[in-house]
All heavy atoms as atom14 arrays in JSON, in Angstrom:
{
  "sequence": "DAVEALRAQHPQATPGELRSALIGDALFGAGSARMAQAHSLMSNRG",
  "atom14_mask": [
    [1, 1, 1, 1, 1, 1, 1, 1, 0, 0, 0, 0, 0, 0],
    [1, 1, 1, 1, 1, 0, 0, 0, 0, 0, 0, 0, 0, 0],
    [1, 1, 1, 1, 1, 1, 1, 0, 0, 0, 0, 0, 0, 0],
    [1, 1, 1, 1, 1, 1, 1, 1, 1, 0, 0, 0, 0, 0],
    [1, 1, 1, 1, 1, 0, 0, 0, 0, 0, 0, 0, 0, 0],
    [1, 1, 1, 1, 1, 1, 1, 1, 0, 0, 0, 0, 0, 0],
    [1, 1, 1, 1, 1, 1, 1, 1, 1, 1, 1, 0, 0, 0],
    [1, 1, 1, 1, 1, 0, 0, 0, 0, 0, 0, 0, 0, 0],
    [1, 1, 1, 1, 1, 1, 1, 1, 1, 0, 0, 0, 0, 0],
    [1, 1, 1, 1, 1, 1, 1, 1, 1, 1, 0, 0, 0, 0],
    [1, 1, 1, 1, 1, 1, 1, 0, 0, 0, 0, 0, 0, 0],
    [1, 1, 1, 1, 1, 1, 1, 1, 1, 0, 0, 0, 0, 0],
    [1, 1, 1, 1, 1, 0, 0, 0, 0, 0, 0, 0, 0, 0],
    [1, 1, 1, 1, 1, 1, 1, 0, 0, 0, 0, 0, 0, 0],
    [1, 1, 1, 1, 1, 1, 1, 0, 0, 0, 0, 0, 0, 0],
    [1, 1, 1, 1, 0, 0, 0, 0, 0, 0, 0, 0, 0, 0],
    [1, 1, 1, 1, 1, 1, 1, 1, 1, 0, 0, 0, 0, 0],
    [1, 1, 1, 1, 1, 1, 1, 1, 0, 0, 0, 0, 0, 0],
    [1, 1, 1, 1, 1, 1, 1, 1, 1, 1, 1, 0, 0, 0],
    [1, 1, 1, 1, 1, 1, 0, 0, 0, 0, 0, 0, 0, 0],
    [1, 1, 1, 1, 1, 0, 0, 0, 0, 0, 0, 0, 0, 0],
    [1, 1, 1, 1, 1, 1, 1, 1, 0, 0, 0, 0, 0, 0],
    [1, 1, 1, 1, 1, 1, 1, 1, 0, 0, 0, 0, 0, 0],
    [1, 1, 1, 1, 0, 0, 0, 0, 0, 0, 0, 0, 0, 0],
    [1, 1, 1, 1, 1, 1, 1, 1, 0, 0, 0, 0, 0, 0],
    [1, 1, 1, 1, 1, 0, 0, 0, 0, 0, 0, 0, 0, 0],
    [1, 1, 1, 1, 1, 1, 1, 1, 0, 0, 0, 0, 0, 0],
    [1, 1, 1, 1, 1, 1, 1, 1, 1, 1, 1, 0, 0, 0],
    [1, 1, 1, 1, 0, 0, 0, 0, 0, 0, 0, 0, 0, 0],
    [1, 1, 1, 1, 1, 0, 0, 0, 0, 0, 0, 0, 0, 0],
    [1, 1, 1, 1, 0, 0, 0, 0, 0, 0, 0, 0, 0, 0],
    [1, 1, 1, 1, 1, 1, 0, 0, 0, 0, 0, 0, 0, 0],
    [1, 1, 1, 1, 1, 0, 0, 0, 0, 0, 0, 0, 0, 0],
    [1, 1, 1, 1, 1, 1, 1, 1, 1, 1, 1, 0, 0, 0],
    [1, 1, 1, 1, 1, 1, 1, 1, 0, 0, 0, 0, 0, 0],
    [1, 1, 1, 1, 1, 0, 0, 0, 0, 0, 0, 0, 0, 0],
    [1, 1, 1, 1, 1, 1, 1, 1, 1, 0, 0, 0, 0, 0],
    [1, 1, 1, 1, 1, 0, 0, 0, 0, 0, 0, 0, 0, 0],
    [1, 1, 1, 1, 1, 1, 1, 1, 1, 1, 0, 0, 0, 0],
    [1, 1, 1, 1, 1, 1, 0, 0, 0, 0, 0, 0, 0, 0],
    [1, 1, 1, 1, 1, 1, 1, 1, 0, 0, 0, 0, 0, 0],
    [1, 1, 1, 1, 1, 1, 1, 1, 0, 0, 0, 0, 0, 0],
    [1, 1, 1, 1, 1, 1, 0, 0, 0, 0, 0, 0, 0, 0],
    [1, 1, 1, 1, 1, 1, 1, 1, 0, 0, 0, 0, 0, 0],
    [1, 1, 1, 1, 1, 1, 1, 1, 1, 1, 1, 0, 0, 0],
    [1, 1, 1, 1, 0, 0, 0, 0, 0, 0, 0, 0, 0, 0]
  ],
  "atom14_positions": [
    [[0.83, -1.21, 0.0], [0.0, 0.0, 0.0], [0.87, 1.26, 0.0], [0.54, 2.26, -0.66], [-0.92, 0.02, 1.22], [-1.95, -1.1, 1.2], [-2.17, -1.67, 0.1], [-2.52, -1.41, 2.27], [0.0, 0.0, 0.0], [0.0, 0.0, 0.0], [0.0, 0.0, 0.0], [0.0, 0.0, 0.0], [0.0, 0.0, 0.0], [0.0, 0.0, 0.0]],
    [[1.96, 1.23, 0.74], [2.85, 2.39, 0.79], [3.47, 2.67, -0.57], [3.56, 3.83, -1.0], [3.94, 2.16, 1.84], [0.0, 0.0, 0.0], [0.0, 0.0, 0.0], [0.0, 0.0, 0.0], [0.0, 0.0, 0.0], [0.0, 0.0, 0.0], [0.0, 0.0, 0.0], [0.0, 0.0, 0.0], [0.0, 0.0, 0.0], [0.0, 0.0, 0.0]],
    [[3.88, 1.62, -1.26], [4.47, 1.8, -2.58], [3.43, 2.32, -3.56], [3.71, 3.23, -4.37], [5.09, 0.48, -3.07], [5.54, 0.61, -4.53], [6.26, 0.08, -2.19], [0.0, 0.0, 0.0], [0.0, 0.0, 0.0], [0.0, 0.0, 0.0], [0.0, 0.0, 0.0], [0.0, 0.0, 0.0], [0.0, 0.0, 0.0], [0.0, 0.0, 0.0]],
    [[2.24, 1.77, -3.52], [1.19, 2.24, -4.43], [0.85, 3.71, -4.2], [0.65, 4.48, -5.14], [-0.06, 1.37, -4.28], [0.06, 0.01, -4.93], [0.43, 0.11, -6.4], [-0.25, 0.88, -7.14], [1.41, -0.53, -6.81], [0.0, 0.0, 0.0], [0.0, 0.0, 0.0], [0.0, 0.0, 0.0], [0.0, 0.0, 0.0], [0.0, 0.0, 0.0]],
    [[0.79, 4.11, -2.94], [0.48, 5.51, -2.63], [1.59, 6.43, -3.14], [1.31, 7.51, -3.69], [0.3, 5.68, -1.13], [0.0, 0.0, 0.0], [0.0, 0.0, 0.0], [0.0, 0.0, 0.0], [0.0, 0.0, 0.0], [0.0, 0.0, 0.0], [0.0, 0.0, 0.0], [0.0, 0.0, 0.0], [0.0, 0.0, 0.0], [0.0, 0.0, 0.0]],
    [[2.84, 6.0, -2.97], [3.95, 6.81, -3.45], [3.98, 6.88, -4.96], [4.21, 7.94, -5.56], [5.27, 6.23, -2.92], [6.54, 7.03, -3.22], [6.47, 8.42, -2.6], [7.76, 6.28, -2.72], [0.0, 0.0, 0.0], [0.0, 0.0, 0.0], [0.0, 0.0, 0.0], [0.0, 0.0, 0.0], [0.0, 0.0, 0.0], [0.0, 0.0, 0.0]],
    [[3.68, 5.75, -5.61], [3.68, 5.74, -7.07], [2.55, 6.61, -7.63], [2.7, 7.24, -8.68], [3.55, 4.31, -7.59], [3.85, 4.17, -9.07], [3.73, 2.73, -9.53], [4.73, 1.87, -8.93], [5.99, 1.79, -9.35], [6.4, 2.56, -10.34], [6.82, 0.96, -8.77], [0.0, 0.0, 0.0], [0.0, 0.0, 0.0], [0.0, 0.0, 0.0]],
    [[1.45, 6.68, -6.91], [0.34, 7.54, -7.34], [0.74, 9.01, -7.3], [0.32, 9.8, -8.15], [-0.88, 7.29, -6.47], [0.0, 0.0, 0.0], [0.0, 0.0, 0.0], [0.0, 0.0, 0.0], [0.0, 0.0, 0.0], [0.0, 0.0, 0.0], [0.0, 0.0, 0.0], [0.0, 0.0, 0.0], [0.0, 0.0, 0.0], [0.0, 0.0, 0.0]],
    [[1.57, 9.35, -6.32], [2.04, 10.73, -6.22], [3.11, 11.04, -7.26], [3.22, 12.19, -7.72], [2.62, 10.99, -4.83], [1.62, 10.88, -3.69], [2.29, 11.0, -2.34], [3.43, 11.45, -2.23], [1.6, 10.56, -1.29], [0.0, 0.0, 0.0], [0.0, 0.0, 0.0], [0.0, 0.0, 0.0], [0.0, 0.0, 0.0], [0.0, 0.0, 0.0]],
    [[3.89, 10.01, -7.64], [5.0, 10.21, -8.58], [4.93, 9.13, -9.66], [5.73, 8.19, -9.67], [6.33, 10.14, -7.83], [6.41, 11.07, -6.66], [6.65, 12.42, -6.79], [6.27, 10.83, -5.32], [6.66, 12.98, -5.59], [6.43, 12.05, -4.69], [0.0, 0.0, 0.0], [0.0, 0.0, 0.0], [0.0, 0.0, 0.0], [0.0, 0.0, 0.0]],
    [[3.98, 9.24, -10.57], [3.76, 8.15, -11.54], [4.92, 7.91, -12.5], [5.05, 6.81, -13.04], [2.5, 8.61, -12.29], [2.43, 10.08, -12.07], [3.01, 10.32, -10.72], [0.0, 0.0, 0.0], [0.0, 0.0, 0.0], [0.0, 0.0, 0.0], [0.0, 0.0, 0.0], [0.0, 0.0, 0.0], [0.0, 0.0, 0.0], [0.0, 0.0, 0.0]],
    [[5.78, 8.9, -12.7], [6.9, 8.74, -13.62], [8.2, 8.34, -12.91], [9.25, 8.24, -13.55], [7.13, 10.05, -14.38], [5.91, 10.55, -15.14], [5.39, 9.53, -16.14], [6.17, 8.91, -16.87], [4.08, 9.35, -16.18], [0.0, 0.0, 0.0], [0.0, 0.0, 0.0], [0.0, 0.0, 0.0], [0.0, 0.0, 0.0], [0.0, 0.0, 0.0]],
    [[8.14, 8.12, -11.61], [9.36, 7.85, -10.85], [9.95, 6.49, -11.2], [9.22, 5.51, -11.42], [9.06, 7.92, -9.35], [0.0, 0.0, 0.0], [0.0, 0.0, 0.0], [0.0, 0.0, 0.0], [0.0, 0.0, 0.0], [0.0, 0.0, 0.0], [0.0, 0.0, 0.0], [0.0, 0.0, 0.0], [0.0, 0.0, 0.0], [0.0, 0.0, 0.0]],
    [[11.26, 6.43, -11.22], [11.96, 5.16, -11.44], [11.98, 4.37, -10.13], [11.74, 4.93, -9.05], [13.4, 5.42, -11.88], [14.11, 6.04, -10.8], [13.43, 6.33, -13.11], [0.0, 0.0, 0.0], [0.0, 0.0, 0.0], [0.0, 0.0, 0.0], [0.0, 0.0, 0.0], [0.0, 0.0, 0.0], [0.0, 0.0, 0.0], [0.0, 0.0, 0.0]],
    [[12.3, 3.08, -10.2], [12.44, 2.32, -8.94], [13.48, 2.94, -8.0], [13.28, 2.94, -6.78], [12.87, 0.93, -9.42], [12.26, 0.81, -10.78], [12.36, 2.19, -11.37], [0.0, 0.0, 0.0], [0.0, 0.0, 0.0], [0.0, 0.0, 0.0], [0.0, 0.0, 0.0], [0.0, 0.0, 0.0], [0.0, 0.0, 0.0], [0.0, 0.0, 0.0]],
    [[14.56, 3.46, -8.54], [15.56, 4.09, -7.69], [15.01, 5.31, -6.98], [15.29, 5.54, -5.8], [0.0, 0.0, 0.0], [0.0, 0.0, 0.0], [0.0, 0.0, 0.0], [0.0, 0.0, 0.0], [0.0, 0.0, 0.0], [0.0, 0.0, 0.0], [0.0, 0.0, 0.0], [0.0, 0.0, 0.0], [0.0, 0.0, 0.0], [0.0, 0.0, 0.0]],
    [[14.23, 6.11, -7.69], [13.63, 7.29, -7.08], [12.62, 6.91, -6.01], [12.55, 7.55, -4.95], [12.99, 8.16, -8.16], [14.0, 8.83, -9.07], [13.37, 9.45, -10.3], [12.25, 9.03, -10.68], [13.99, 10.36, -10.88], [0.0, 0.0, 0.0], [0.0, 0.0, 0.0], [0.0, 0.0, 0.0], [0.0, 0.0, 0.0], [0.0, 0.0, 0.0]],
    [[11.84, 5.9, -6.27], [10.87, 5.44, -5.26], [11.58, 4.88, -4.03], [11.19, 5.17, -2.89], [9.95, 4.38, -5.87], [8.99, 4.84, -6.97], [8.26, 3.65, -7.57], [7.98, 5.86, -6.43], [0.0, 0.0, 0.0], [0.0, 0.0, 0.0], [0.0, 0.0, 0.0], [0.0, 0.0, 0.0], [0.0, 0.0, 0.0], [0.0, 0.0, 0.0]],
    [[12.6, 4.1, -4.28], [13.35, 3.51, -3.16], [14.0, 4.61, -2.32], [13.95, 4.58, -1.08], [14.4, 2.56, -3.72], [15.14, 1.73, -2.68], [16.16, 0.85, -3.4], [16.93, 0.02, -2.48], [17.99, -0.7, -2.84], [18.38, -0.7, -4.13], [18.65, -1.42, -1.96], [0.0, 0.0, 0.0], [0.0, 0.0, 0.0], [0.0, 0.0, 0.0]],
    [[14.6, 5.6, -2.97], [15.22, 6.71, -2.27], [14.19, 7.48, -1.45], [14.44, 7.85, -0.29], [15.9, 7.65, -3.26], [16.37, 8.82, -2.62], [0.0, 0.0, 0.0], [0.0, 0.0, 0.0], [0.0, 0.0, 0.0], [0.0, 0.0, 0.0], [0.0, 0.0, 0.0], [0.0, 0.0, 0.0], [0.0, 0.0, 0.0], [0.0, 0.0, 0.0]],
    [[13.02, 7.72, -2.04], [11.98, 8.46, -1.33], [11.5, 7.71, -0.1], [11.27, 8.31, 0.96], [10.81, 8.73, -2.27], [0.0, 0.0, 0.0], [0.0, 0.0, 0.0], [0.0, 0.0, 0.0], [0.0, 0.0, 0.0], [0.0, 0.0, 0.0], [0.0, 0.0, 0.0], [0.0, 0.0, 0.0], [0.0, 0.0, 0.0], [0.0, 0.0, 0.0]],
    [[11.37, 6.39, -0.21], [10.93, 5.59, 0.93], [11.97, 5.62, 2.05], [11.62, 5.77, 3.23], [10.68, 4.15, 0.49], [9.4, 3.92, -0.32], [9.47, 2.59, -1.06], [8.18, 3.96, 0.59], [0.0, 0.0, 0.0], [0.0, 0.0, 0.0], [0.0, 0.0, 0.0], [0.0, 0.0, 0.0], [0.0, 0.0, 0.0], [0.0, 0.0, 0.0]],
    [[13.24, 5.49, 1.69], [14.3, 5.51, 2.7], [14.37, 6.88, 3.37], [14.44, 7.0, 4.6], [15.65, 5.15, 2.06], [15.66, 3.68, 1.62], [16.8, 5.41, 3.03], [16.87, 3.29, 0.79], [0.0, 0.0, 0.0], [0.0, 0.0, 0.0], [0.0, 0.0, 0.0], [0.0, 0.0, 0.0], [0.0, 0.0, 0.0], [0.0, 0.0, 0.0]],
    [[14.35, 7.93, 2.56], [14.45, 9.28, 3.1], [13.28, 9.63, 4.0], [13.46, 10.25, 5.05], [0.0, 0.0, 0.0], [0.0, 0.0, 0.0], [0.0, 0.0, 0.0], [0.0, 0.0, 0.0], [0.0, 0.0, 0.0], [0.0, 0.0, 0.0], [0.0, 0.0, 0.0], [0.0, 0.0, 0.0], [0.0, 0.0, 0.0], [0.0, 0.0, 0.0]],
    [[12.09, 9.23, 3.61], [10.92, 9.53, 4.44], [10.96, 8.75, 5.74], [10.64, 9.27, 6.81], [9.64, 9.2, 3.67], [8.4, 9.68, 4.4], [8.27, 10.9, 4.63], [7.56, 8.83, 4.75], [0.0, 0.0, 0.0], [0.0, 0.0, 0.0], [0.0, 0.0, 0.0], [0.0, 0.0, 0.0], [0.0, 0.0, 0.0], [0.0, 0.0, 0.0]],
    [[11.38, 7.48, 5.67], [11.43, 6.65, 6.88], [12.47, 7.16, 7.86], [12.23, 7.19, 9.07], [11.72, 5.21, 6.49], [0.0, 0.0, 0.0], [0.0, 0.0, 0.0], [0.0, 0.0, 0.0], [0.0, 0.0, 0.0], [0.0, 0.0, 0.0], [0.0, 0.0, 0.0], [0.0, 0.0, 0.0], [0.0, 0.0, 0.0], [0.0, 0.0, 0.0]],
    [[13.63, 7.55, 7.35], [14.7, 7.99, 8.23], [14.48, 9.39, 8.78], [14.78, 9.65, 9.96], [16.03, 7.96, 7.48], [16.64, 6.6, 7.17], [17.84, 6.76, 6.26], [17.06, 5.9, 8.46], [0.0, 0.0, 0.0], [0.0, 0.0, 0.0], [0.0, 0.0, 0.0], [0.0, 0.0, 0.0], [0.0, 0.0, 0.0], [0.0, 0.0, 0.0]],
    [[13.96, 10.29, 7.93], [13.96, 11.7, 8.3], [12.63, 12.41, 8.08], [12.19, 13.17, 8.94], [15.05, 12.44, 7.52], [16.39, 11.75, 7.53], [16.9, 11.18, 6.38], [17.11, 11.64, 8.7], [18.13, 10.54, 6.38], [18.35, 10.99, 8.72], [18.86, 10.44, 7.55], [0.0, 0.0, 0.0], [0.0, 0.0, 0.0], [0.0, 0.0, 0.0]],
    [[12.01, 12.18, 6.93], [10.84, 12.97, 6.54], [9.66, 12.82, 7.46], [9.13, 13.81, 8.0], [0.0, 0.0, 0.0], [0.0, 0.0, 0.0], [0.0, 0.0, 0.0], [0.0, 0.0, 0.0], [0.0, 0.0, 0.0], [0.0, 0.0, 0.0], [0.0, 0.0, 0.0], [0.0, 0.0, 0.0], [0.0, 0.0, 0.0], [0.0, 0.0, 0.0]],
    [[9.21, 11.59, 7.67], [8.01, 11.36, 8.48], [8.24, 11.78, 9.93], [7.38, 12.41, 10.55], [7.61, 9.89, 8.41], [0.0, 0.0, 0.0], [0.0, 0.0, 0.0], [0.0, 0.0, 0.0], [0.0, 0.0, 0.0], [0.0, 0.0, 0.0], [0.0, 0.0, 0.0], [0.0, 0.0, 0.0], [0.0, 0.0, 0.0], [0.0, 0.0, 0.0]],
    [[9.41, 11.45, 10.47], [9.7, 11.8, 11.86], [9.88, 13.28, 12.08], [9.55, 13.8, 13.15], [0.0, 0.0, 0.0], [0.0, 0.0, 0.0], [0.0, 0.0, 0.0], [0.0, 0.0, 0.0], [0.0, 0.0, 0.0], [0.0, 0.0, 0.0], [0.0, 0.0, 0.0], [0.0, 0.0, 0.0], [0.0, 0.0, 0.0], [0.0, 0.0, 0.0]],
    [[10.4, 13.99, 11.08], [10.51, 15.44, 11.19], [9.14, 16.1, 11.09], [8.84, 17.07, 11.8], [11.44, 15.99, 10.1], [12.78, 15.59, 10.33], [0.0, 0.0, 0.0], [0.0, 0.0, 0.0], [0.0, 0.0, 0.0], [0.0, 0.0, 0.0], [0.0, 0.0, 0.0], [0.0, 0.0, 0.0], [0.0, 0.0, 0.0], [0.0, 0.0, 0.0]],
    [[8.29, 15.56, 10.2], [6.95, 16.11, 10.07], [6.15, 15.95, 11.36], [5.45, 16.88, 11.8], [6.23, 15.44, 8.9], [0.0, 0.0, 0.0], [0.0, 0.0, 0.0], [0.0, 0.0, 0.0], [0.0, 0.0, 0.0], [0.0, 0.0, 0.0], [0.0, 0.0, 0.0], [0.0, 0.0, 0.0], [0.0, 0.0, 0.0], [0.0, 0.0, 0.0]],
    [[6.27, 14.78, 11.98], [5.56, 14.56, 13.24], [6.08, 15.47, 14.34], [5.32, 16.0, 15.15], [5.66, 13.1, 13.66], [4.51, 12.25, 13.12], [4.56, 10.84, 13.64], [4.42, 10.74, 15.09], [4.5, 9.59, 15.75], [4.72, 8.46, 15.09], [4.36, 9.56, 17.06], [0.0, 0.0, 0.0], [0.0, 0.0, 0.0], [0.0, 0.0, 0.0]],
    [[7.39, 15.66, 14.37], [7.97, 16.54, 15.37], [7.52, 17.99, 15.15], [7.17, 18.7, 16.1], [9.49, 16.44, 15.34], [10.19, 17.38, 16.32], [9.81, 17.03, 18.06], [11.07, 15.81, 18.44], [0.0, 0.0, 0.0], [0.0, 0.0, 0.0], [0.0, 0.0, 0.0], [0.0, 0.0, 0.0], [0.0, 0.0, 0.0], [0.0, 0.0, 0.0]],
    [[7.53, 18.43, 13.91], [7.11, 19.8, 13.61], [5.66, 20.02, 14.0], [5.31, 21.05, 14.61], [7.31, 20.08, 12.12], [0.0, 0.0, 0.0], [0.0, 0.0, 0.0], [0.0, 0.0, 0.0], [0.0, 0.0, 0.0], [0.0, 0.0, 0.0], [0.0, 0.0, 0.0], [0.0, 0.0, 0.0], [0.0, 0.0, 0.0], [0.0, 0.0, 0.0]],
    [[4.8, 19.07, 13.66], [3.4, 19.22, 14.01], [3.19, 19.22, 15.52], [2.48, 20.08, 16.06], [2.56, 18.12, 13.37], [1.06, 18.26, 13.63], [0.25, 17.2, 12.9], [0.76, 16.13, 12.59], [-1.0, 17.48, 12.63], [0.0, 0.0, 0.0], [0.0, 0.0, 0.0], [0.0, 0.0, 0.0], [0.0, 0.0, 0.0], [0.0, 0.0, 0.0]],
    [[3.83, 18.28, 16.21], [3.67, 18.19, 17.66], [4.19, 19.45, 18.34], [3.55, 19.99, 19.26], [4.39, 16.96, 18.2], [0.0, 0.0, 0.0], [0.0, 0.0, 0.0], [0.0, 0.0, 0.0], [0.0, 0.0, 0.0], [0.0, 0.0, 0.0], [0.0, 0.0, 0.0], [0.0, 0.0, 0.0], [0.0, 0.0, 0.0], [0.0, 0.0, 0.0]],
    [[5.33, 19.94, 17.92], [5.91, 21.13, 18.54], [5.05, 22.36, 18.26], [4.84, 23.19, 19.16], [7.33, 21.35, 18.02], [8.06, 22.46, 18.71], [8.07, 23.75, 18.24], [8.78, 22.47, 19.87], [8.79, 24.51, 19.05], [9.23, 23.76, 20.04], [0.0, 0.0, 0.0], [0.0, 0.0, 0.0], [0.0, 0.0, 0.0], [0.0, 0.0, 0.0]],
    [[4.53, 22.47, 17.05], [3.72, 23.65, 16.71], [2.43, 23.71, 17.52], [1.89, 24.8, 17.75], [3.39, 23.65, 15.21], [2.51, 22.59, 14.88], [0.0, 0.0, 0.0], [0.0, 0.0, 0.0], [0.0, 0.0, 0.0], [0.0, 0.0, 0.0], [0.0, 0.0, 0.0], [0.0, 0.0, 0.0], [0.0, 0.0, 0.0], [0.0, 0.0, 0.0]],
    [[1.95, 22.56, 17.98], [0.7, 22.53, 18.74], [0.9, 22.85, 20.22], [-0.08, 23.17, 20.9], [0.05, 21.14, 18.61], [-0.48, 20.78, 17.22], [-0.97, 19.34, 17.21], [-1.59, 21.73, 16.79], [0.0, 0.0, 0.0], [0.0, 0.0, 0.0], [0.0, 0.0, 0.0], [0.0, 0.0, 0.0], [0.0, 0.0, 0.0], [0.0, 0.0, 0.0]],
    [[2.15, 22.78, 20.7], [2.31, 22.95, 22.15], [3.33, 24.02, 22.54], [3.4, 24.39, 23.7], [2.68, 21.62, 22.8], [3.95, 20.96, 22.28], [5.46, 21.46, 23.13], [5.12, 20.76, 24.75], [0.0, 0.0, 0.0], [0.0, 0.0, 0.0], [0.0, 0.0, 0.0], [0.0, 0.0, 0.0], [0.0, 0.0, 0.0], [0.0, 0.0, 0.0]],
    [[4.12, 24.51, 21.6], [5.15, 25.48, 21.96], [4.63, 26.9, 21.84], [3.88, 27.23, 20.91], [6.38, 25.32, 21.06], [7.33, 26.33, 21.33], [0.0, 0.0, 0.0], [0.0, 0.0, 0.0], [0.0, 0.0, 0.0], [0.0, 0.0, 0.0], [0.0, 0.0, 0.0], [0.0, 0.0, 0.0], [0.0, 0.0, 0.0], [0.0, 0.0, 0.0]],
    [[5.05, 27.75, 22.76], [4.7, 29.16, 22.67], [5.83, 30.0, 22.11], [5.78, 31.23, 22.16], [4.29, 29.7, 24.06], [5.34, 29.42, 25.12], [6.54, 29.35, 24.82], [4.9, 29.26, 26.36], [0.0, 0.0, 0.0], [0.0, 0.0, 0.0], [0.0, 0.0, 0.0], [0.0, 0.0, 0.0], [0.0, 0.0, 0.0], [0.0, 0.0, 0.0]],
    [[6.84, 29.34, 21.54], [7.99, 30.05, 20.99], [8.09, 29.96, 19.47], [8.91, 30.64, 18.88], [9.28, 29.51, 21.6], [9.38, 29.67, 23.11], [9.45, 31.13, 23.5], [9.6, 31.29, 24.94], [9.66, 32.46, 25.55], [9.58, 33.57, 24.86], [9.78, 32.51, 26.87], [0.0, 0.0, 0.0], [0.0, 0.0, 0.0], [0.0, 0.0, 0.0]],
    [[7.29, 29.11, 18.85], [7.28, 29.05, 17.4], [8.04, 27.87, 16.83], [9.1, 27.48, 17.33], [0.0, 0.0, 0.0], [0.0, 0.0, 0.0], [0.0, 0.0, 0.0], [0.0, 0.0, 0.0], [0.0, 0.0, 0.0], [0.0, 0.0, 0.0], [0.0, 0.0, 0.0], [0.0, 0.0, 0.0], [0.0, 0.0, 0.0], [0.0, 0.0, 0.0]]
  ]
}
C-alpha cells in the first residue's frame, strides 16, 4: 500500500527514485513532520 500511494504521487518515478523516497521519508521525513506538528501545537515560541 505504501508503494502504491507513493507511485500515485509520482507516476513517472523510477524504482531508484521510489526507493530513495521511501528511505528518506522513513529515516527523516516522516519523523521530522511529526515533530514539527507536535511542537507547533504545544510550543509558545514558534
